[in-house]
Amino acid sequence: MKKYSNKIIAGVLILAVLALVFWWGGNAPSLHGFLPSEETTADTAVTDKFKTDSIPDGRPLPVEPQDVVISDKELTCTLSVRCDTILDNMDWLAPEKVALVPKDGVLYAEKTVTFYEGESVFNVLVREMKQSKIHMEFVNTPIYNSAYIEGIGNLYEFDCGELSGWMYKVNDWFPNYGCSRYQLGDGDKVEWVYTCDLGEDVGGGYSSGEQKDE
């Protein structure tokens, strides 16, 4: 009788453990927070399979790099790269990076540059940084179908605090999609800026879910 009781107890314990495993598997957190439920996904304003949030009225829609046809028609835009926000947060900056920050915070002064019809913000940045011999490093992120800029001028994300990194804006708007999906138009003004506060210090407002013009 005692033998059967032990078997029953063991069986109950096994069932309890299995139930806990199945429950945890359905609610396990991912590296970026909790996995979205069906309800959360339905409530999120997504316009395409690359998780792009809704685009504000009057702003250009993203163009997928694989769909682009680049012509030989020459157009112009302005480009600048700056990290002046770091000057206000030097105590946050990694000590070995101090000498890399220009005294005025400008890595690439605003300049009118030529590009070809169909090219993206990313195309122009890569070419101009190479021609100016300014270091740049990026990584392709398939989930967003875009390149992500990790560092410019040897200044990387997280070098000046855990909320720091590179952002771009075009015509005073911080796009909510990657730079290789932003197809340039003639006369566009492109600015790459380094933020130390997830966009709040440069007018991006990403940390609050808003986007503000400077």
N, C-alpha and C. Protein backbone atom coordinates (compact mmCIF):
# COMPACT_ATOMS: atom_id res chain seq x y z
N MET A 1 0.83 -1.19 0.00
CA MET A 1 0.00 0.00 0.00
C MET A 1 0.86 1.25 0.00
N LYS A 2 1.90 1.20 0.85
CA LYS A 2 2.82 2.33 0.94
C LYS A 2 3.52 2.56 -0.39
N LYS A 3 3.85 1.45 -1.09
CA LYS A 3 4.52 1.54 -2.38
C LYS A 3 3.64 2.29 -3.38
N TYR A 4 2.34 1.98 -3.40
CA TYR A 4 1.43 2.65 -4.32
C TYR A 4 1.26 4.12 -3.97
N SER A 5 1.24 4.44 -2.68
CA SER A 5 1.11 5.83 -2.24
C SER A 5 2.28 6.66 -2.74
N ASN A 6 3.48 6.08 -2.65
CA ASN A 6 4.67 6.80 -3.12
C ASN A 6 4.60 7.06 -4.62
N LYS A 7 4.10 6.08 -5.36
CA LYS A 7 3.97 6.24 -6.81
C LYS A 7 2.98 7.34 -7.15
N ILE A 8 1.87 7.38 -6.39
CA ILE A 8 0.86 8.41 -6.64
C ILE A 8 1.43 9.79 -6.37
N ILE A 9 2.16 9.93 -5.25
CA ILE A 9 2.77 11.22 -4.90
C ILE A 9 3.77 11.65 -5.97
N ALA A 10 4.59 10.69 -6.43
CA ALA A 10 5.58 11.00 -7.46
C ALA A 10 4.91 11.43 -8.75
N GLY A 11 3.80 10.78 -9.08
CA GLY A 11 3.08 11.15 -10.30
C GLY A 11 2.51 12.55 -10.23
N VAL A 12 1.96 12.90 -9.07
CA VAL A 12 1.40 14.24 -8.88
C VAL A 12 2.50 15.29 -9.02
N LEU A 13 3.68 15.02 -8.42
CA LEU A 13 4.79 15.96 -8.50
C LEU A 13 5.26 16.16 -9.94
N ILE A 14 5.32 15.09 -10.70
CA ILE A 14 5.74 15.17 -12.11
C ILE A 14 4.76 16.02 -12.91
N LEU A 15 3.45 15.80 -12.68
CA LEU A 15 2.44 16.57 -13.39
C LEU A 15 2.55 18.06 -13.04
N ALA A 16 2.84 18.35 -11.77
CA ALA A 16 2.97 19.74 -11.33
C ALA A 16 4.15 20.41 -12.01
N VAL A 17 5.28 19.67 -12.10
CA VAL A 17 6.47 20.21 -12.75
C VAL A 17 6.22 20.47 -14.23
N LEU A 18 5.56 19.53 -14.90
CA LEU A 18 5.26 19.70 -16.32
C LEU A 18 4.35 20.91 -16.56
N ALA A 19 3.38 21.07 -15.67
CA ALA A 19 2.47 22.22 -15.80
C ALA A 19 3.23 23.52 -15.66
N LEU A 20 4.19 23.56 -14.72
CA LEU A 20 5.00 24.77 -14.51
C LEU A 20 5.86 25.06 -15.73
N VAL A 21 6.45 24.00 -16.32
CA VAL A 21 7.29 24.17 -17.50
C VAL A 21 6.49 24.74 -18.66
N PHE A 22 5.29 24.18 -18.90
CA PHE A 22 4.47 24.68 -20.01
C PHE A 22 4.03 26.11 -19.77
N TRP A 23 3.70 26.44 -18.50
CA TRP A 23 3.30 27.82 -18.21
C TRP A 23 4.45 28.77 -18.44
N TRP A 24 5.66 28.41 -17.98
CA TRP A 24 6.82 29.29 -18.13
C TRP A 24 7.21 29.44 -19.59
N GLY A 25 7.08 28.35 -20.36
CA GLY A 25 7.42 28.42 -21.78
C GLY A 25 6.55 29.40 -22.52
N GLY A 26 5.30 29.57 -22.10
CA GLY A 26 4.41 30.50 -22.77
C GLY A 26 4.57 31.93 -22.32
N ASN A 27 5.32 32.14 -21.20
CA ASN A 27 5.47 33.49 -20.69
C ASN A 27 6.92 33.89 -20.51
N ALA A 28 7.83 33.14 -21.10
CA ALA A 28 9.25 33.41 -20.90
C ALA A 28 9.65 34.74 -21.51
N PRO A 29 10.47 35.54 -20.77
CA PRO A 29 10.91 36.81 -21.32
C PRO A 29 11.99 36.62 -22.36
N SER A 30 11.99 37.46 -23.40
CA SER A 30 13.06 37.44 -24.39
C SER A 30 14.14 38.40 -23.93
N LEU A 31 15.20 38.52 -24.71
CA LEU A 31 16.28 39.42 -24.37
C LEU A 31 15.84 40.87 -24.39
N HIS A 32 14.77 41.19 -25.11
CA HIS A 32 14.32 42.57 -25.22
C HIS A 32 13.01 42.79 -24.48
N GLY A 33 12.80 42.04 -23.44
CA GLY A 33 11.55 42.18 -22.70
C GLY A 33 10.66 40.98 -22.96
N PHE A 34 9.42 41.06 -22.57
CA PHE A 34 8.52 39.92 -22.74
C PHE A 34 8.07 39.77 -24.19
N LEU A 35 7.96 38.55 -24.61
CA LEU A 35 7.48 38.29 -25.96
C LEU A 35 6.06 38.81 -26.09
N PRO A 36 5.72 39.46 -27.22
CA PRO A 36 4.38 40.04 -27.37
C PRO A 36 3.31 38.97 -27.47
N SER A 37 2.18 39.24 -26.85
CA SER A 37 1.05 38.33 -26.97
C SER A 37 0.29 38.68 -28.24
N GLU A 38 -0.69 37.87 -28.59
CA GLU A 38 -1.49 38.16 -29.78
C GLU A 38 -2.23 39.47 -29.61
N GLU A 39 -2.69 39.75 -28.37
CA GLU A 39 -3.42 40.97 -28.11
C GLU A 39 -2.52 42.18 -28.30
N THR A 40 -1.27 42.09 -27.77
CA THR A 40 -0.32 43.20 -27.90
C THR A 40 -0.01 43.46 -29.36
N THR A 41 0.22 42.39 -30.12
CA THR A 41 0.55 42.54 -31.53
C THR A 41 -0.59 43.22 -32.28
N ALA A 42 -1.82 42.84 -31.97
CA ALA A 42 -2.97 43.41 -32.66
C ALA A 42 -3.12 44.89 -32.36
N ASP A 43 -2.72 45.30 -31.16
CA ASP A 43 -2.88 46.70 -30.76
C ASP A 43 -1.73 47.57 -31.23
N THR A 44 -0.69 46.98 -31.82
CA THR A 44 0.46 47.75 -32.27
C THR A 44 0.27 48.19 -33.71
N ALA A 45 0.51 49.48 -33.96
CA ALA A 45 0.30 50.02 -35.31
C ALA A 45 1.48 49.66 -36.19
N VAL A 46 1.40 48.53 -36.84
CA VAL A 46 2.47 48.07 -37.71
C VAL A 46 1.99 48.10 -39.16
N THR A 47 2.82 48.67 -40.03
CA THR A 47 2.39 48.82 -41.42
C THR A 47 3.01 47.79 -42.34
N ASP A 48 4.04 47.05 -41.90
CA ASP A 48 4.65 46.07 -42.77
C ASP A 48 5.32 44.98 -41.95
N LYS A 49 5.89 44.00 -42.65
CA LYS A 49 6.48 42.84 -41.97
C LYS A 49 7.79 43.17 -41.26
N PHE A 50 8.31 44.38 -41.46
CA PHE A 50 9.56 44.76 -40.81
C PHE A 50 9.32 45.59 -39.56
N LYS A 51 8.12 45.48 -39.01
CA LYS A 51 7.78 46.09 -37.73
C LYS A 51 7.85 47.62 -37.75
N THR A 52 7.57 48.21 -38.88
CA THR A 52 7.59 49.66 -38.99
C THR A 52 6.33 50.26 -38.38
N ASP A 53 6.49 51.20 -37.47
CA ASP A 53 5.34 51.89 -36.91
C ASP A 53 4.70 52.77 -37.97
N SER A 54 3.49 53.22 -37.70
CA SER A 54 2.79 54.08 -38.64
C SER A 54 3.59 55.34 -38.94
N ILE A 55 3.60 55.74 -40.20
CA ILE A 55 4.36 56.91 -40.64
C ILE A 55 3.47 58.14 -40.52
N PRO A 56 3.97 59.22 -39.91
CA PRO A 56 3.16 60.44 -39.79
C PRO A 56 2.75 60.98 -41.16
N ASP A 57 1.61 61.63 -41.21
CA ASP A 57 1.14 62.22 -42.46
C ASP A 57 2.17 63.20 -43.01
N GLY A 58 2.36 63.13 -44.31
CA GLY A 58 3.28 64.07 -44.95
C GLY A 58 4.73 63.61 -44.97
N ARG A 59 5.02 62.50 -44.30
CA ARG A 59 6.40 61.99 -44.28
C ARG A 59 6.53 60.82 -45.25
N PRO A 60 7.71 60.65 -45.86
CA PRO A 60 7.87 59.58 -46.86
C PRO A 60 7.84 58.18 -46.27
N LEU A 61 7.25 57.29 -47.02
CA LEU A 61 7.22 55.89 -46.62
C LEU A 61 8.57 55.25 -46.89
N PRO A 62 8.94 54.22 -46.13
CA PRO A 62 10.22 53.54 -46.39
C PRO A 62 10.21 52.82 -47.73
N VAL A 63 11.37 52.71 -48.32
CA VAL A 63 11.54 52.00 -49.59
C VAL A 63 12.53 50.88 -49.34
N GLU A 64 12.16 49.66 -49.65
CA GLU A 64 13.01 48.52 -49.36
C GLU A 64 14.23 48.50 -50.28
N PRO A 65 15.42 48.34 -49.72
CA PRO A 65 16.66 48.37 -50.52
C PRO A 65 16.66 47.41 -51.70
N GLN A 66 16.05 46.24 -51.52
CA GLN A 66 16.05 45.24 -52.59
C GLN A 66 15.15 45.64 -53.76
N ASP A 67 14.28 46.64 -53.54
CA ASP A 67 13.37 47.07 -54.59
C ASP A 67 13.86 48.32 -55.33
N VAL A 68 14.96 48.88 -54.87
CA VAL A 68 15.44 50.16 -55.41
C VAL A 68 16.16 49.99 -56.73
N VAL A 69 15.90 50.92 -57.63
CA VAL A 69 16.65 51.02 -58.88
C VAL A 69 17.36 52.37 -58.85
N ILE A 70 18.69 52.35 -58.86
CA ILE A 70 19.47 53.58 -58.80
C ILE A 70 19.82 54.02 -60.22
N SER A 71 19.45 55.24 -60.54
CA SER A 71 19.71 55.76 -61.88
C SER A 71 21.01 56.55 -61.91
N ASP A 72 21.35 57.08 -63.07
CA ASP A 72 22.57 57.89 -63.17
C ASP A 72 22.26 59.38 -63.07
N LYS A 73 21.02 59.70 -62.68
CA LYS A 73 20.63 61.10 -62.50
C LYS A 73 21.21 61.65 -61.22
N GLU A 74 21.96 62.72 -61.30
CA GLU A 74 22.61 63.31 -60.13
C GLU A 74 21.69 64.32 -59.45
N LEU A 75 21.60 64.18 -58.13
CA LEU A 75 20.83 65.10 -57.29
C LEU A 75 21.74 65.56 -56.16
N THR A 76 21.28 66.49 -55.36
CA THR A 76 22.10 66.95 -54.23
C THR A 76 21.30 66.99 -52.93
N CYS A 77 22.02 66.84 -51.84
CA CYS A 77 21.45 66.99 -50.51
C CYS A 77 22.54 67.57 -49.61
N THR A 78 22.20 67.96 -48.41
CA THR A 78 23.23 68.38 -47.46
C THR A 78 23.40 67.29 -46.41
N LEU A 79 24.62 67.15 -45.92
CA LEU A 79 24.94 66.12 -44.94
C LEU A 79 25.83 66.71 -43.85
N SER A 80 25.55 66.33 -42.61
CA SER A 80 26.41 66.72 -41.49
C SER A 80 26.42 65.60 -40.47
N VAL A 81 27.51 65.54 -39.69
CA VAL A 81 27.64 64.54 -38.62
C VAL A 81 28.22 65.25 -37.41
N ARG A 82 27.52 65.19 -36.31
CA ARG A 82 28.04 65.88 -35.12
C ARG A 82 27.76 65.07 -33.84
N CYS A 83 28.57 65.36 -32.84
CA CYS A 83 28.45 64.67 -31.55
C CYS A 83 28.58 65.67 -30.41
N ASP A 84 28.08 66.88 -30.60
CA ASP A 84 28.24 67.93 -29.59
C ASP A 84 27.53 67.63 -28.28
N THR A 85 26.56 66.74 -28.28
CA THR A 85 25.89 66.38 -27.01
C THR A 85 26.87 65.75 -26.04
N ILE A 86 27.90 65.11 -26.57
CA ILE A 86 28.90 64.48 -25.70
C ILE A 86 29.64 65.53 -24.87
N LEU A 87 29.81 66.73 -25.45
CA LEU A 87 30.53 67.80 -24.74
C LEU A 87 29.84 68.17 -23.43
N ASP A 88 28.54 67.96 -23.36
CA ASP A 88 27.79 68.25 -22.13
C ASP A 88 27.74 67.07 -21.18
N ASN A 89 28.33 65.96 -21.61
CA ASN A 89 28.28 64.73 -20.79
C ASN A 89 29.63 64.02 -20.77
N MET A 90 30.70 64.79 -20.72
CA MET A 90 32.04 64.21 -20.79
C MET A 90 32.33 63.25 -19.64
N ASP A 91 31.66 63.46 -18.52
CA ASP A 91 31.87 62.55 -17.38
C ASP A 91 31.27 61.18 -17.63
N TRP A 92 30.38 61.07 -18.63
CA TRP A 92 29.81 59.77 -18.99
C TRP A 92 30.66 59.04 -20.02
N LEU A 93 31.49 59.79 -20.72
CA LEU A 93 32.23 59.23 -21.85
C LEU A 93 33.35 58.29 -21.40
N ALA A 94 33.49 57.18 -22.13
CA ALA A 94 34.58 56.24 -21.85
C ALA A 94 35.92 56.99 -21.94
N PRO A 95 36.77 56.90 -20.94
CA PRO A 95 38.02 57.67 -20.89
C PRO A 95 38.87 57.57 -22.16
N GLU A 96 38.92 56.39 -22.76
CA GLU A 96 39.75 56.20 -23.94
C GLU A 96 39.18 56.88 -25.18
N LYS A 97 37.95 57.41 -25.08
CA LYS A 97 37.31 58.06 -26.23
C LYS A 97 37.35 59.59 -26.17
N VAL A 98 37.85 60.13 -25.08
CA VAL A 98 37.85 61.59 -24.90
C VAL A 98 38.56 62.32 -26.04
N ALA A 99 39.71 61.81 -26.44
CA ALA A 99 40.50 62.48 -27.48
C ALA A 99 39.84 62.44 -28.86
N LEU A 100 38.82 61.62 -29.02
CA LEU A 100 38.16 61.47 -30.32
C LEU A 100 37.07 62.52 -30.56
N VAL A 101 36.68 63.22 -29.52
CA VAL A 101 35.58 64.18 -29.63
C VAL A 101 36.13 65.55 -30.04
N PRO A 102 35.74 66.07 -31.21
CA PRO A 102 36.21 67.39 -31.64
C PRO A 102 35.79 68.47 -30.65
N LYS A 103 36.56 69.53 -30.56
CA LYS A 103 36.27 70.60 -29.59
C LYS A 103 34.91 71.25 -29.84
N ASP A 104 34.49 71.29 -31.10
CA ASP A 104 33.18 71.85 -31.41
C ASP A 104 32.11 70.78 -31.61
N GLY A 105 32.50 69.51 -31.46
CA GLY A 105 31.54 68.42 -31.59
C GLY A 105 31.15 68.09 -33.01
N VAL A 106 31.85 68.66 -33.98
CA VAL A 106 31.50 68.42 -35.39
C VAL A 106 32.50 67.45 -36.03
N LEU A 107 32.00 66.31 -36.45
CA LEU A 107 32.85 65.31 -37.11
C LEU A 107 32.88 65.54 -38.63
N TYR A 108 31.78 66.04 -39.15
CA TYR A 108 31.67 66.30 -40.59
C TYR A 108 30.77 67.51 -40.74
N ALA A 109 31.37 68.65 -41.06
CA ALA A 109 30.60 69.89 -41.17
C ALA A 109 29.59 69.81 -42.31
N GLU A 110 28.47 70.50 -42.14
CA GLU A 110 27.42 70.46 -43.16
C GLU A 110 27.97 70.82 -44.54
N LYS A 111 27.62 69.97 -45.49
CA LYS A 111 28.17 70.11 -46.83
C LYS A 111 27.14 69.63 -47.85
N THR A 112 27.10 70.29 -48.97
CA THR A 112 26.24 69.84 -50.07
C THR A 112 26.97 68.73 -50.83
N VAL A 113 26.31 67.60 -50.95
CA VAL A 113 26.93 66.45 -51.61
C VAL A 113 26.03 65.94 -52.74
N THR A 114 26.66 65.26 -53.66
CA THR A 114 25.92 64.70 -54.80
C THR A 114 25.56 63.24 -54.52
N PHE A 115 24.35 62.86 -54.92
CA PHE A 115 23.96 61.44 -54.85
C PHE A 115 23.17 61.11 -56.11
N TYR A 116 22.86 59.85 -56.27
CA TYR A 116 22.15 59.40 -57.47
C TYR A 116 20.71 59.03 -57.11
N GLU A 117 19.81 59.37 -58.00
CA GLU A 117 18.39 59.11 -57.77
C GLU A 117 18.16 57.65 -57.39
N GLY A 118 17.49 57.45 -56.29
CA GLY A 118 17.22 56.10 -55.79
C GLY A 118 18.06 55.75 -54.58
N GLU A 119 19.14 56.49 -54.32
CA GLU A 119 20.01 56.18 -53.19
C GLU A 119 19.36 56.56 -51.86
N SER A 120 19.87 55.92 -50.82
CA SER A 120 19.33 56.12 -49.48
C SER A 120 20.27 56.98 -48.62
N VAL A 121 19.79 57.33 -47.44
CA VAL A 121 20.61 58.04 -46.46
C VAL A 121 21.87 57.23 -46.16
N PHE A 122 21.71 55.92 -46.07
CA PHE A 122 22.84 55.04 -45.79
C PHE A 122 23.88 55.09 -46.89
N ASN A 123 23.44 55.03 -48.14
CA ASN A 123 24.37 55.07 -49.28
C ASN A 123 25.25 56.31 -49.24
N VAL A 124 24.62 57.45 -48.97
CA VAL A 124 25.35 58.72 -48.95
C VAL A 124 26.33 58.76 -47.77
N LEU A 125 25.89 58.31 -46.61
CA LEU A 125 26.77 58.33 -45.44
C LEU A 125 28.01 57.48 -45.67
N VAL A 126 27.81 56.27 -46.18
CA VAL A 126 28.94 55.37 -46.42
C VAL A 126 29.95 56.01 -47.38
N ARG A 127 29.46 56.55 -48.47
CA ARG A 127 30.35 57.13 -49.47
C ARG A 127 31.11 58.35 -48.92
N GLU A 128 30.40 59.24 -48.25
CA GLU A 128 31.03 60.46 -47.76
C GLU A 128 32.01 60.19 -46.62
N MET A 129 31.70 59.25 -45.75
CA MET A 129 32.63 58.92 -44.68
C MET A 129 33.90 58.29 -45.25
N LYS A 130 33.73 57.46 -46.26
CA LYS A 130 34.90 56.84 -46.90
C LYS A 130 35.77 57.88 -47.58
N GLN A 131 35.14 58.79 -48.32
CA GLN A 131 35.90 59.82 -49.03
C GLN A 131 36.60 60.77 -48.06
N SER A 132 35.99 60.99 -46.91
CA SER A 132 36.57 61.91 -45.92
C SER A 132 37.49 61.20 -44.93
N LYS A 133 37.64 59.89 -45.15
CA LYS A 133 38.50 59.08 -44.27
C LYS A 133 38.05 59.15 -42.80
N ILE A 134 36.75 59.12 -42.62
CA ILE A 134 36.16 59.08 -41.28
C ILE A 134 35.66 57.67 -41.02
N HIS A 135 36.12 57.09 -39.94
CA HIS A 135 35.72 55.72 -39.59
C HIS A 135 34.20 55.61 -39.45
N MET A 136 33.66 54.49 -39.92
CA MET A 136 32.25 54.20 -39.75
C MET A 136 32.05 52.70 -39.69
N GLU A 137 31.19 52.25 -38.81
CA GLU A 137 30.90 50.81 -38.71
C GLU A 137 29.40 50.61 -38.59
N PHE A 138 28.89 49.60 -39.29
CA PHE A 138 27.46 49.33 -39.27
C PHE A 138 27.22 47.83 -39.25
N VAL A 139 26.00 47.47 -38.99
CA VAL A 139 25.59 46.07 -39.04
C VAL A 139 24.23 46.00 -39.72
N ASN A 140 24.02 44.98 -40.52
CA ASN A 140 22.73 44.78 -41.17
C ASN A 140 21.78 44.07 -40.21
N THR A 141 20.56 44.57 -40.12
CA THR A 141 19.57 43.98 -39.23
C THR A 141 18.39 43.48 -40.06
N PRO A 142 18.40 42.20 -40.43
CA PRO A 142 17.36 41.64 -41.30
C PRO A 142 15.94 41.83 -40.78
N ILE A 143 15.75 41.79 -39.47
CA ILE A 143 14.40 41.90 -38.92
C ILE A 143 13.78 43.26 -39.25
N TYR A 144 14.62 44.29 -39.42
CA TYR A 144 14.14 45.62 -39.81
C TYR A 144 14.51 45.96 -41.25
N ASN A 145 15.16 45.03 -41.94
CA ASN A 145 15.55 45.19 -43.34
C ASN A 145 16.35 46.48 -43.57
N SER A 146 17.27 46.74 -42.66
CA SER A 146 18.03 47.99 -42.76
C SER A 146 19.39 47.85 -42.09
N ALA A 147 20.28 48.76 -42.47
CA ALA A 147 21.57 48.86 -41.80
C ALA A 147 21.39 49.67 -40.52
N TYR A 148 22.18 49.33 -39.51
CA TYR A 148 22.17 50.07 -38.25
C TYR A 148 23.59 50.60 -38.03
N ILE A 149 23.70 51.91 -37.79
CA ILE A 149 25.01 52.54 -37.62
C ILE A 149 25.47 52.35 -36.18
N GLU A 150 26.54 51.60 -36.01
CA GLU A 150 27.07 51.34 -34.68
C GLU A 150 28.05 52.43 -34.23
N GLY A 151 28.89 52.89 -35.16
CA GLY A 151 29.88 53.89 -34.77
C GLY A 151 30.29 54.78 -35.93
N ILE A 152 30.59 56.03 -35.62
CA ILE A 152 31.16 56.98 -36.58
C ILE A 152 32.29 57.70 -35.88
N GLY A 153 33.42 57.84 -36.54
CA GLY A 153 34.56 58.49 -35.92
C GLY A 153 35.06 57.76 -34.70
N ASN A 154 34.85 56.43 -34.68
CA ASN A 154 35.24 55.58 -33.55
C ASN A 154 34.46 55.89 -32.28
N LEU A 155 33.34 56.60 -32.41
CA LEU A 155 32.43 56.82 -31.30
C LEU A 155 31.23 55.90 -31.52
N TYR A 156 31.03 54.99 -30.57
CA TYR A 156 30.03 53.94 -30.72
C TYR A 156 28.84 54.15 -29.78
N GLU A 157 27.79 53.38 -30.04
CA GLU A 157 26.67 53.33 -29.10
C GLU A 157 27.20 52.88 -27.74
N PHE A 158 26.65 53.43 -26.69
CA PHE A 158 27.00 53.12 -25.30
C PHE A 158 28.34 53.69 -24.85
N ASP A 159 29.04 54.42 -25.73
CA ASP A 159 30.31 55.02 -25.31
C ASP A 159 30.10 56.17 -24.34
N CYS A 160 28.92 56.77 -24.37
CA CYS A 160 28.64 57.91 -23.49
C CYS A 160 27.34 57.67 -22.72
N GLY A 161 27.29 56.53 -22.07
CA GLY A 161 26.11 56.17 -21.29
C GLY A 161 25.29 55.07 -21.95
N GLU A 162 24.46 54.44 -21.17
CA GLU A 162 23.69 53.29 -21.66
C GLU A 162 22.57 53.67 -22.62
N LEU A 163 22.27 54.96 -22.75
CA LEU A 163 21.23 55.41 -23.67
C LEU A 163 21.81 56.16 -24.86
N SER A 164 23.10 55.98 -25.09
CA SER A 164 23.77 56.75 -26.15
C SER A 164 23.89 55.98 -27.45
N GLY A 165 24.00 56.74 -28.54
CA GLY A 165 24.16 56.12 -29.86
C GLY A 165 23.85 57.12 -30.96
N TRP A 166 23.91 56.66 -32.20
CA TRP A 166 23.71 57.53 -33.37
C TRP A 166 22.27 57.51 -33.85
N MET A 167 21.78 58.69 -34.23
CA MET A 167 20.46 58.84 -34.81
C MET A 167 20.57 59.73 -36.05
N TYR A 168 19.59 59.62 -36.93
CA TYR A 168 19.60 60.50 -38.09
C TYR A 168 18.26 61.19 -38.24
N LYS A 169 18.30 62.36 -38.84
CA LYS A 169 17.06 63.05 -39.16
C LYS A 169 17.17 63.64 -40.55
N VAL A 170 16.03 63.74 -41.20
CA VAL A 170 15.96 64.30 -42.55
C VAL A 170 14.90 65.39 -42.54
N ASN A 171 15.30 66.59 -42.94
CA ASN A 171 14.38 67.72 -42.96
C ASN A 171 13.69 67.90 -41.61
N ASP A 172 14.51 67.83 -40.54
CA ASP A 172 14.05 68.04 -39.16
C ASP A 172 13.10 66.98 -38.64
N TRP A 173 13.10 65.80 -39.24
CA TRP A 173 12.28 64.68 -38.74
C TRP A 173 13.16 63.47 -38.51
N PHE A 174 12.97 62.83 -37.36
CA PHE A 174 13.68 61.60 -37.05
C PHE A 174 12.83 60.42 -37.54
N PRO A 175 13.18 59.81 -38.67
CA PRO A 175 12.38 58.70 -39.20
C PRO A 175 12.32 57.52 -38.23
N ASN A 176 11.21 56.82 -38.23
CA ASN A 176 11.05 55.66 -37.36
C ASN A 176 11.34 54.36 -38.12
N TYR A 177 12.26 54.47 -39.09
CA TYR A 177 12.74 53.28 -39.80
C TYR A 177 14.20 53.50 -40.18
N GLY A 178 14.88 52.42 -40.55
CA GLY A 178 16.31 52.45 -40.76
C GLY A 178 16.79 53.31 -41.92
N CYS A 179 18.04 53.76 -41.83
CA CYS A 179 18.60 54.71 -42.79
C CYS A 179 18.74 54.15 -44.20
N SER A 180 18.83 52.84 -44.36
CA SER A 180 18.95 52.29 -45.71
C SER A 180 17.58 52.08 -46.35
N ARG A 181 16.51 52.44 -45.63
CA ARG A 181 15.15 52.38 -46.18
C ARG A 181 14.62 53.79 -46.48
N TYR A 182 15.44 54.80 -46.15
CA TYR A 182 15.02 56.18 -46.42
C TYR A 182 15.60 56.63 -47.76
N GLN A 183 14.75 56.70 -48.76
CA GLN A 183 15.19 57.12 -50.10
C GLN A 183 15.22 58.64 -50.17
N LEU A 184 16.39 59.16 -50.51
CA LEU A 184 16.60 60.61 -50.52
C LEU A 184 15.89 61.31 -51.67
N GLY A 185 15.52 62.56 -51.41
CA GLY A 185 14.97 63.41 -52.45
C GLY A 185 15.90 64.59 -52.67
N ASP A 186 15.78 65.19 -53.81
CA ASP A 186 16.64 66.32 -54.14
C ASP A 186 16.44 67.46 -53.13
N GLY A 187 17.54 67.96 -52.59
CA GLY A 187 17.47 69.07 -51.64
C GLY A 187 17.26 68.67 -50.20
N ASP A 188 17.20 67.38 -49.89
CA ASP A 188 17.01 66.94 -48.51
C ASP A 188 18.16 67.40 -47.62
N LYS A 189 17.84 67.62 -46.35
CA LYS A 189 18.84 67.96 -45.35
C LYS A 189 18.99 66.79 -44.40
N VAL A 190 20.16 66.14 -44.43
CA VAL A 190 20.41 64.94 -43.63
C VAL A 190 21.38 65.28 -42.50
N GLU A 191 21.00 64.94 -41.28
CA GLU A 191 21.85 65.20 -40.12
C GLU A 191 22.00 63.92 -39.29
N TRP A 192 23.24 63.56 -39.02
CA TRP A 192 23.53 62.47 -38.10
C TRP A 192 23.98 63.08 -36.79
N VAL A 193 23.31 62.69 -35.71
CA VAL A 193 23.60 63.28 -34.40
C VAL A 193 23.79 62.17 -33.37
N TYR A 194 24.66 62.44 -32.42
CA TYR A 194 24.91 61.47 -31.35
C TYR A 194 24.06 61.87 -30.15
N THR A 195 23.27 60.93 -29.65
CA THR A 195 22.45 61.19 -28.47
C THR A 195 23.03 60.49 -27.25
N CYS A 196 22.92 61.14 -26.11
CA CYS A 196 23.35 60.54 -24.84
C CYS A 196 22.14 60.16 -23.99
N ASP A 197 20.93 60.44 -24.52
CA ASP A 197 19.72 60.22 -23.74
C ASP A 197 18.57 59.71 -24.60
N LEU A 198 18.86 58.73 -25.42
CA LEU A 198 17.85 58.07 -26.24
C LEU A 198 17.01 59.05 -27.06
N GLY A 199 17.67 60.11 -27.54
CA GLY A 199 17.00 61.06 -28.41
C GLY A 199 16.47 62.31 -27.74
N GLU A 200 16.29 62.29 -26.43
CA GLU A 200 15.72 63.44 -25.73
C GLU A 200 16.60 64.68 -25.85
N ASP A 201 17.90 64.51 -25.91
CA ASP A 201 18.81 65.65 -25.94
C ASP A 201 19.06 66.20 -27.34
N VAL A 202 18.50 65.54 -28.36
CA VAL A 202 18.68 66.03 -29.73
C VAL A 202 17.35 66.32 -30.42
N GLY A 203 16.26 66.22 -29.66
CA GLY A 203 14.95 66.50 -30.23
C GLY A 203 14.24 65.29 -30.80
N GLY A 204 14.82 64.10 -30.61
CA GLY A 204 14.22 62.89 -31.16
C GLY A 204 13.08 62.36 -30.33
N GLY A 205 13.22 62.44 -29.02
CA GLY A 205 12.14 62.02 -28.14
C GLY A 205 11.79 60.56 -28.22
N TYR A 206 12.73 59.67 -28.60
CA TYR A 206 12.43 58.25 -28.71
C TYR A 206 12.08 57.63 -27.37
N SER A 207 12.70 58.12 -26.30
CA SER A 207 12.48 57.49 -25.00
C SER A 207 11.06 57.69 -24.50
N SER A 208 10.38 58.73 -24.98
CA SER A 208 9.01 58.98 -24.56
C SER A 208 7.99 58.55 -25.61
N GLY A 209 8.52 57.96 -26.70
CA GLY A 209 7.63 57.52 -27.77
C GLY A 209 7.15 58.65 -28.64
N GLU A 210 7.79 59.82 -28.51
CA GLU A 210 7.42 60.96 -29.31
C GLU A 210 8.57 61.34 -30.22
N GLN A 211 8.28 62.16 -31.23
CA GLN A 211 9.30 62.67 -32.09
C GLN A 211 9.12 64.17 -32.19
N LYS A 212 10.17 64.90 -31.87
CA LYS A 212 10.06 66.35 -31.81
C LYS A 212 11.08 66.98 -32.75
N ASP A 213 10.73 68.11 -33.30
CA ASP A 213 11.69 68.87 -34.08
C ASP A 213 12.51 69.73 -33.12
N GLU A 214 13.77 69.97 -33.51
CA GLU A 214 14.61 70.82 -32.67
C GLU A 214 14.20 72.27 -32.86
